[in-house]
Amino acid sequence: MNMAHLGFNDEDMLAGLKPWVLCESPSYDPAAVNRMQDIAAHDLAVMGASIERISPHSSIGDCIRARFAHPKSDQPGLLIIGHMDTVHPLGTLIELPFKRDGNRCYGPGICDMKGGNYLALEAIRQLQKAGLETPLPITVLFTSDEEIGSPHTRALIEAEAARAKAVLIPEPARQGNGVTSGRYAVARYDVTTYGRPSHAGLRLSEGRSAIRKMAEKIIDIEAMTSEDCSFSVGVMNAGKWVNCVSSKANAEVLSMSKRQEDLDNGIARMLDHNDPNGEVITKIKLGLTRPVWTPSTADLKLVELANDLATQLGQQFRHESSGGGSDGNFTGAMGVPTLDGLGVAGDKYHTLEEHIEIDSLAMRGRMMAGLLMGINQNF
């Protein structure tokens, strides 16, 4: 069936997406994430899915696993993975309200990635309305800690992917109606400097500032950025009293490379900044990592199917490997056929200008529906 004949409608989809965006769900607020998962679970239940609530860790929100009834439910099927946590803290709606401006609609998490999650459900919904049965069973997994590196959900993601024929991930679309066919390797680091405290007004010269040392380290670390490997300091915390020379400073660093060997070299260079001696000590600890996902023949076969669908629908199409990291790093690196970046078109995610392009909702929904219908047991 031509997916153009399905009943996708941008305005209806935007109306359905609005409650999702108005429910703020920052990663570090489990109760907030759970409120969002409540909404998603309700929508999935109305669609007839069997819902399971999974609590990976007390520090994060729950995950939702939804399975749709299918005659081949005992066989490997299609796994749709999306995250419901966002980088935006509670109260962001004051500065970034759900607001329409021409073909754009703004809101926290609307592009990364609630818009994509919603259009994935809409694709299933429209296939149901048309009386179409997908060749393979569908499982939807909405996770709760992707924005902080998926520390507590990786095992669940990989276990579900191991049982799947293919994985579809509705992260934001690439420019030009593109999809993501690979992901760069990612590493996170925790950096701590330890100084010597003193009274900043009476005995300044006796102190050794952890803040000053951290400032020097930040400059040195970010100066290591090259075409092969990037280094960015995104978090820094230090000090409690202005009249005290700081005794401790903390920072978090993100590193990214197109090739695993370049990331591994970058890790070694970062760890070389450890300095356990001297008046101010520096300790660097490697944190969470995401493996590089290099597109396989099976991945490119999914790309080819998406390209064919775009041609049938009269859409532009392109694909590329991407930075940023996603749970596709895990599934793609496992060798499970994966296609990422299937979500809504938009820009400025992770900022107070995050928005989607409204007219991409139905367009991208049709592509998702076509993929769900086009992947079979012989794929």
Protein backbone atom coordinates (compact mmCIF):
# COMPACT_ATOMS: atom_id res chain seq x y z
CA MET A 1 0.00 0.00 0.00
CA ASN A 2 1.14 3.52 -0.77
CA MET A 3 1.77 5.20 2.59
CA ALA A 4 0.55 8.48 1.09
CA HIS A 5 -3.01 7.15 1.40
CA LEU A 6 -2.82 6.76 5.16
CA GLY A 7 -4.65 9.35 7.24
CA PHE A 8 -1.73 11.28 8.72
CA ASN A 9 -2.54 14.89 9.53
CA ASP A 10 -0.04 17.45 10.80
CA GLU A 11 -2.60 19.37 12.87
CA ASP A 12 -3.99 16.27 14.55
CA MET A 13 -0.50 15.05 15.34
CA LEU A 14 0.53 18.42 16.78
CA ALA A 15 -2.56 18.41 19.01
CA GLY A 16 -1.71 14.92 20.24
CA LEU A 17 1.92 15.86 20.83
CA LYS A 18 1.10 18.97 22.88
CA PRO A 19 0.32 17.18 26.20
CA TRP A 20 3.61 15.31 25.89
CA VAL A 21 5.59 18.53 25.56
CA LEU A 22 3.68 20.25 28.36
CA CYS A 23 4.69 17.40 30.67
CA GLU A 24 8.28 18.37 31.45
CA SER A 25 10.50 15.35 32.11
CA PRO A 26 14.15 16.12 32.96
CA SER A 27 16.41 13.10 33.40
CA TYR A 28 17.30 13.89 37.02
CA ASP A 29 13.66 14.09 38.18
CA PRO A 30 12.25 10.53 38.26
CA ALA A 31 8.78 11.68 39.31
CA ALA A 32 8.59 14.07 36.37
CA VAL A 33 9.74 11.41 33.92
CA ASN A 34 7.17 9.00 35.37
CA ARG A 35 4.40 11.53 34.75
CA MET A 36 5.43 11.56 31.11
CA GLN A 37 5.58 7.78 31.01
CA ASP A 38 2.05 7.71 32.44
CA ILE A 39 0.83 9.67 29.43
CA ALA A 40 2.68 7.47 26.97
CA ALA A 41 1.44 4.30 28.68
CA HIS A 42 -2.13 5.55 28.44
CA ASP A 43 -1.80 6.33 24.74
CA LEU A 44 -0.25 2.94 24.06
CA ALA A 45 -2.92 1.13 26.08
CA VAL A 46 -5.66 2.88 24.10
CA MET A 47 -3.95 1.55 20.97
CA GLY A 48 -4.26 -1.98 22.34
CA ALA A 49 -0.69 -2.58 23.44
CA SER A 50 0.24 -4.73 26.40
CA ILE A 51 2.14 -2.46 28.79
CA GLU A 52 4.98 -3.31 31.18
CA ARG A 53 6.47 -0.81 33.60
CA ILE A 54 10.14 -1.37 34.37
CA SER A 55 12.12 0.44 37.09
CA PRO A 56 15.83 0.12 36.24
CA HIS A 57 17.13 2.24 39.15
CA SER A 58 15.79 4.43 41.93
CA SER A 59 17.66 7.49 40.61
CA ILE A 60 15.81 7.57 37.26
CA GLY A 61 12.27 7.26 36.00
CA ASP A 62 10.57 4.10 34.83
CA CYS A 63 10.79 2.60 31.36
CA ILE A 64 7.73 1.59 29.37
CA ARG A 65 7.77 -1.56 27.26
CA ALA A 66 4.74 -2.02 25.04
CA ARG A 67 4.02 -5.02 22.85
CA PHE A 68 1.33 -5.22 20.20
CA ALA A 69 -0.53 -8.48 19.58
CA HIS A 70 0.64 -10.28 16.46
CA PRO A 71 0.36 -13.83 15.02
CA LYS A 72 4.18 -14.07 15.00
CA SER A 73 4.73 -12.67 18.48
CA ASP A 74 7.09 -15.56 19.25
CA GLN A 75 9.46 -14.49 16.46
CA PRO A 76 12.01 -11.66 16.30
CA GLY A 77 10.21 -8.44 15.48
CA LEU A 78 10.67 -4.70 15.19
CA LEU A 79 11.89 -2.69 18.16
CA ILE A 80 11.20 1.04 18.36
CA ILE A 81 13.39 2.75 20.97
CA GLY A 82 12.89 6.30 22.23
CA HIS A 83 13.76 8.22 25.37
CA MET A 84 11.29 10.33 27.34
CA ASP A 85 13.85 12.18 29.48
CA THR A 86 15.02 15.62 28.37
CA VAL A 87 17.87 17.99 29.21
CA HIS A 88 15.45 20.77 30.21
CA PRO A 89 14.83 21.29 33.96
CA LEU A 90 11.37 21.80 35.41
CA GLY A 91 10.18 25.32 34.73
CA THR A 92 11.69 25.56 31.24
CA LEU A 93 8.18 26.02 29.86
CA ILE A 94 8.28 29.55 31.28
CA GLU A 95 11.18 30.47 29.00
CA LEU A 96 10.40 27.98 26.23
CA PRO A 97 6.62 27.67 26.10
CA PHE A 98 4.75 25.40 23.73
CA LYS A 99 4.32 27.99 21.01
CA ARG A 100 3.51 27.92 17.33
CA ASP A 101 5.17 30.35 14.94
CA GLY A 102 4.38 29.65 11.31
CA ASN A 103 5.64 26.18 10.44
CA ARG A 104 7.59 25.94 13.69
CA CYS A 105 6.44 24.77 17.08
CA TYR A 106 8.61 25.30 20.14
CA GLY A 107 8.85 23.50 23.46
CA PRO A 108 11.24 21.59 25.75
CA GLY A 109 11.99 18.17 24.33
CA ILE A 110 9.64 18.64 21.37
CA CYS A 111 12.33 17.69 18.88
CA ASP A 112 14.61 15.56 21.06
CA MET A 113 12.72 13.43 21.11
CA LYS A 114 9.05 13.57 22.05
CA GLY A 115 8.04 14.57 18.53
CA GLY A 116 9.72 11.47 17.11
CA ASN A 117 8.29 9.20 19.78
CA TYR A 118 4.82 10.50 19.09
CA LEU A 119 5.05 10.12 15.32
CA ALA A 120 6.20 6.51 15.81
CA LEU A 121 2.99 5.78 17.73
CA GLU A 122 0.98 7.66 15.13
CA ALA A 123 2.49 5.44 12.42
CA ILE A 124 1.27 2.35 14.26
CA ARG A 125 -2.09 4.00 14.87
CA GLN A 126 -2.60 4.83 11.19
CA LEU A 127 -1.70 1.29 10.13
CA GLN A 128 -4.25 -0.01 12.61
CA LYS A 129 -6.93 2.32 11.26
CA ALA A 130 -6.20 1.12 7.74
CA GLY A 131 -6.57 -2.50 8.87
CA LEU A 132 -2.97 -3.31 7.96
CA GLU A 133 -0.95 -5.90 9.82
CA THR A 134 2.80 -5.46 9.88
CA PRO A 135 4.83 -8.47 8.71
CA LEU A 136 6.60 -8.58 12.07
CA PRO A 137 5.46 -7.91 15.66
CA ILE A 138 6.23 -4.50 17.14
CA THR A 139 7.69 -3.65 20.53
CA VAL A 140 8.03 -0.05 21.74
CA LEU A 141 10.57 0.75 24.45
CA PHE A 142 10.48 4.24 25.99
CA THR A 143 13.49 4.75 28.26
CA SER A 144 14.26 7.34 30.92
CA ASP A 145 17.99 8.16 31.08
CA GLU A 146 19.35 8.53 27.55
CA GLU A 147 20.32 12.17 28.02
CA ILE A 148 22.67 11.22 30.85
CA GLY A 149 24.26 8.38 28.89
CA SER A 150 21.79 5.51 29.52
CA PRO A 151 23.71 4.32 32.60
CA HIS A 152 20.83 2.24 33.96
CA THR A 153 18.98 1.22 30.78
CA ARG A 154 21.75 -0.03 28.51
CA ALA A 155 21.36 -3.64 29.64
CA LEU A 156 17.60 -3.49 28.99
CA ILE A 157 18.12 -1.88 25.57
CA GLU A 158 20.67 -4.47 24.52
CA ALA A 159 18.54 -7.37 25.78
CA GLU A 160 15.52 -6.16 23.79
CA ALA A 161 17.64 -5.51 20.70
CA ALA A 162 19.10 -9.03 20.86
CA ARG A 163 15.56 -10.38 20.42
CA ALA A 164 14.72 -8.05 17.51
CA LYS A 165 14.95 -8.37 13.75
CA ALA A 166 15.61 -4.64 13.40
CA VAL A 167 15.70 -1.50 15.54
CA LEU A 168 14.10 1.81 14.56
CA ILE A 169 14.97 4.95 16.52
CA PRO A 170 12.95 8.17 16.06
CA GLU A 171 15.66 10.59 17.19
CA PRO A 172 15.52 13.96 15.37
CA ALA A 173 15.80 13.86 11.60
CA ARG A 174 18.98 14.91 9.85
CA GLN A 175 18.78 17.99 7.65
CA GLY A 176 17.27 17.43 4.22
CA ASN A 177 14.82 14.76 5.40
CA GLY A 178 17.77 12.62 6.36
CA VAL A 179 18.23 9.63 8.63
CA THR A 180 21.14 8.50 10.77
CA SER A 181 22.95 5.39 9.55
CA GLY A 182 25.81 5.38 12.09
CA ARG A 183 26.93 7.12 15.28
CA TYR A 184 30.25 8.41 16.55
CA ALA A 185 31.88 6.94 19.63
CA VAL A 186 31.28 8.89 22.86
CA ALA A 187 33.02 9.08 26.23
CA ARG A 188 32.26 11.05 29.38
CA TYR A 189 34.73 11.96 32.10
CA ASP A 190 34.59 13.23 35.67
CA VAL A 191 37.37 15.69 36.53
CA THR A 192 38.13 16.74 40.12
CA THR A 193 40.77 19.10 41.45
CA TYR A 194 41.70 19.24 45.14
CA GLY A 195 43.32 22.38 46.54
CA ARG A 196 44.31 23.71 49.94
CA PRO A 197 41.70 25.84 51.74
CA SER A 198 42.50 29.10 53.50
CA HIS A 199 40.78 32.32 54.50
CA ALA A 200 40.74 34.39 51.30
CA GLY A 201 40.80 37.67 53.18
CA LEU A 202 43.33 36.97 55.94
CA ARG A 203 45.57 34.17 54.62
CA LEU A 204 45.16 34.12 50.84
CA SER A 205 48.77 33.17 50.15
CA GLU A 206 48.46 30.01 52.25
CA GLY A 207 45.69 28.61 50.03
CA ARG A 208 45.90 26.74 46.76
CA SER A 209 42.79 27.18 44.65
CA ALA A 210 41.06 24.14 43.17
CA ILE A 211 39.04 26.54 41.00
CA ARG A 212 42.14 28.08 39.45
CA LYS A 213 43.56 24.63 38.73
CA MET A 214 40.27 23.53 37.20
CA ALA A 215 40.20 26.63 34.99
CA GLU A 216 43.66 25.77 33.72
CA LYS A 217 42.63 22.16 33.14
CA ILE A 218 39.50 23.19 31.22
CA ILE A 219 41.60 25.27 28.83
CA ASP A 220 44.10 22.42 28.38
CA ILE A 221 41.39 19.79 27.86
CA GLU A 222 39.36 21.74 25.32
CA ALA A 223 42.59 22.63 23.48
CA MET A 224 43.01 18.91 22.72
CA THR A 225 40.03 19.07 20.32
CA SER A 226 40.95 18.08 16.78
CA GLU A 227 39.20 16.75 13.69
CA ASP A 228 39.71 13.25 15.08
CA CYS A 229 38.39 13.76 18.60
CA SER A 230 36.50 16.54 20.36
CA PHE A 231 36.59 17.55 24.03
CA SER A 232 33.97 19.76 25.64
CA VAL A 233 33.48 20.76 29.27
CA GLY A 234 29.75 21.05 29.88
CA VAL A 235 29.51 21.12 33.69
CA MET A 236 31.65 22.79 36.36
CA ASN A 237 30.91 23.16 40.08
CA ALA A 238 33.10 24.62 42.80
CA GLY A 239 33.16 26.74 45.90
CA LYS A 240 30.66 27.59 48.62
CA TRP A 241 32.03 30.75 50.25
CA VAL A 242 33.62 33.70 48.51
CA ASN A 243 35.92 34.28 51.47
CA CYS A 244 37.39 30.77 51.27
CA VAL A 245 40.06 29.57 48.84
CA SER A 246 38.37 26.63 47.14
CA SER A 247 39.43 23.16 48.19
CA LYS A 248 37.54 21.17 45.54
CA ALA A 249 36.19 21.64 42.01
CA ASN A 250 34.33 19.22 39.76
CA ALA A 251 33.76 19.18 36.01
CA GLU A 252 32.22 16.86 33.44
CA VAL A 253 33.71 16.41 29.99
CA LEU A 254 32.25 14.96 26.79
CA SER A 255 34.46 13.50 24.09
CA MET A 256 33.41 12.28 20.64
CA SER A 257 35.16 10.58 17.70
CA LYS A 258 34.14 9.15 14.34
CA ARG A 259 36.40 6.15 14.87
CA GLN A 260 36.73 3.98 17.96
CA GLU A 261 40.52 4.04 17.83
CA ASP A 262 40.51 7.85 17.90
CA LEU A 263 38.24 7.83 20.94
CA ASP A 264 40.48 5.29 22.64
CA ASN A 265 43.48 7.52 21.96
CA GLY A 266 41.52 10.47 23.32
CA ILE A 267 40.73 8.53 26.49
CA ALA A 268 44.43 7.87 27.00
CA ARG A 269 45.23 11.56 26.51
CA MET A 270 42.54 12.58 28.98
CA LEU A 271 43.77 10.16 31.62
CA ASP A 272 47.28 11.58 31.17
CA HIS A 273 45.94 14.74 32.86
CA ASN A 274 45.77 12.85 36.14
CA ASP A 275 48.17 14.50 38.58
CA PRO A 276 48.12 12.87 42.02
CA ASN A 277 51.10 14.87 43.25
CA GLY A 278 51.75 18.53 43.85
CA GLU A 279 49.98 21.18 45.87
CA VAL A 280 46.78 20.86 43.84
CA ILE A 281 45.77 17.32 42.84
CA THR A 282 43.89 16.47 39.64
CA LYS A 283 41.90 13.25 39.32
CA ILE A 284 40.23 12.20 36.08
CA LYS A 285 37.87 9.24 35.89
CA LEU A 286 36.46 7.73 32.72
CA GLY A 287 32.68 7.61 32.95
CA LEU A 288 30.03 6.30 30.58
CA THR A 289 30.93 5.44 27.00
CA ARG A 290 29.01 4.69 23.83
CA PRO A 291 30.70 2.48 21.22
CA VAL A 292 31.09 3.63 17.64
CA TRP A 293 28.37 2.37 15.33
CA THR A 294 29.70 1.85 11.82
CA PRO A 295 26.92 1.05 9.34
CA SER A 296 26.82 -2.59 8.29
CA THR A 297 25.42 -4.13 5.11
CA ALA A 298 22.19 -4.84 7.02
CA ASP A 299 21.99 -1.23 8.22
CA LEU A 300 22.46 0.04 4.68
CA LYS A 301 19.68 -2.27 3.52
CA LEU A 302 17.37 -0.39 5.90
CA VAL A 303 18.70 2.87 4.44
CA GLU A 304 17.86 1.58 0.95
CA LEU A 305 14.30 0.77 2.04
CA ALA A 306 13.91 4.25 3.54
CA ASN A 307 15.27 5.77 0.33
CA ASP A 308 12.75 3.81 -1.75
CA LEU A 309 9.93 4.96 0.53
CA ALA A 310 11.03 8.59 0.24
CA THR A 311 11.05 8.27 -3.56
CA GLN A 312 7.53 6.81 -3.54
CA LEU A 313 6.35 9.64 -1.30
CA GLY A 314 8.07 12.33 -3.35
CA GLN A 315 10.39 13.27 -0.49
CA GLN A 316 14.02 14.27 -0.40
CA PHE A 317 16.33 11.79 1.27
CA ARG A 318 19.85 11.48 2.60
CA HIS A 319 21.69 9.52 5.26
CA GLU A 320 24.84 10.04 7.29
CA SER A 321 26.72 9.01 10.38
CA SER A 322 26.21 11.48 13.18
CA GLY A 323 27.62 12.72 16.43
CA GLY A 324 25.52 13.34 19.49
CA GLY A 325 25.21 9.75 20.54
CA SER A 326 22.00 7.78 20.99
CA ASP A 327 20.89 4.34 22.06
CA GLY A 328 21.49 3.40 18.43
CA ASN A 329 25.19 3.28 19.34
CA PHE A 330 24.46 0.21 21.44
CA THR A 331 22.16 -1.64 19.05
CA GLY A 332 24.18 -0.80 15.94
CA ALA A 333 27.44 -1.85 17.59
CA MET A 334 25.77 -5.16 18.53
CA GLY A 335 25.22 -5.86 14.83
CA VAL A 336 21.44 -5.63 15.06
CA PRO A 337 20.15 -3.86 11.91
CA THR A 338 19.45 -0.32 13.09
CA LEU A 339 18.14 2.87 11.53
CA ASP A 340 18.26 6.07 13.58
CA GLY A 341 17.21 9.67 13.07
CA LEU A 342 13.69 8.68 12.01
CA GLY A 343 12.00 11.39 14.04
CA VAL A 344 10.61 14.81 13.28
CA ALA A 345 12.56 17.56 11.52
CA GLY A 346 13.62 20.49 13.69
CA ASP A 347 16.58 22.26 15.21
CA LYS A 348 18.16 23.89 18.26
CA TYR A 349 17.45 20.95 20.56
CA HIS A 350 19.07 21.20 23.99
CA THR A 351 18.54 24.98 23.83
CA LEU A 352 15.79 27.49 24.61
CA GLU A 353 15.03 27.66 20.89
CA GLU A 354 14.22 23.96 20.44
CA HIS A 355 11.56 23.50 17.78
CA ILE A 356 10.10 21.19 15.16
CA GLU A 357 8.90 21.78 11.63
CA ILE A 358 5.21 21.03 11.82
CA ASP A 359 4.86 19.88 8.23
CA SER A 360 7.39 17.11 8.87
CA LEU A 361 5.14 15.29 11.35
CA ALA A 362 2.96 13.55 8.77
CA MET A 363 5.79 13.28 6.25
CA ARG A 364 8.09 11.46 8.65
CA GLY A 365 5.18 9.47 10.06
CA ARG A 366 4.55 8.02 6.61
CA MET A 367 8.18 6.95 6.33
CA MET A 368 8.00 5.23 9.71
CA ALA A 369 4.80 3.45 8.69
CA GLY A 370 6.45 2.32 5.46
CA LEU A 371 9.38 0.88 7.35
CA LEU A 372 7.07 -0.99 9.71
CA MET A 373 5.31 -2.51 6.71
CA GLY A 374 8.44 -3.07 4.63
CA ILE A 375 10.64 -5.04 7.03
CA ASN A 376 9.81 -8.75 7.01
CA GLN A 377 11.34 -12.00 8.25
CA ASN A 378 13.40 -12.35 5.07
CA PHE A 379 14.80 -8.81 5.27
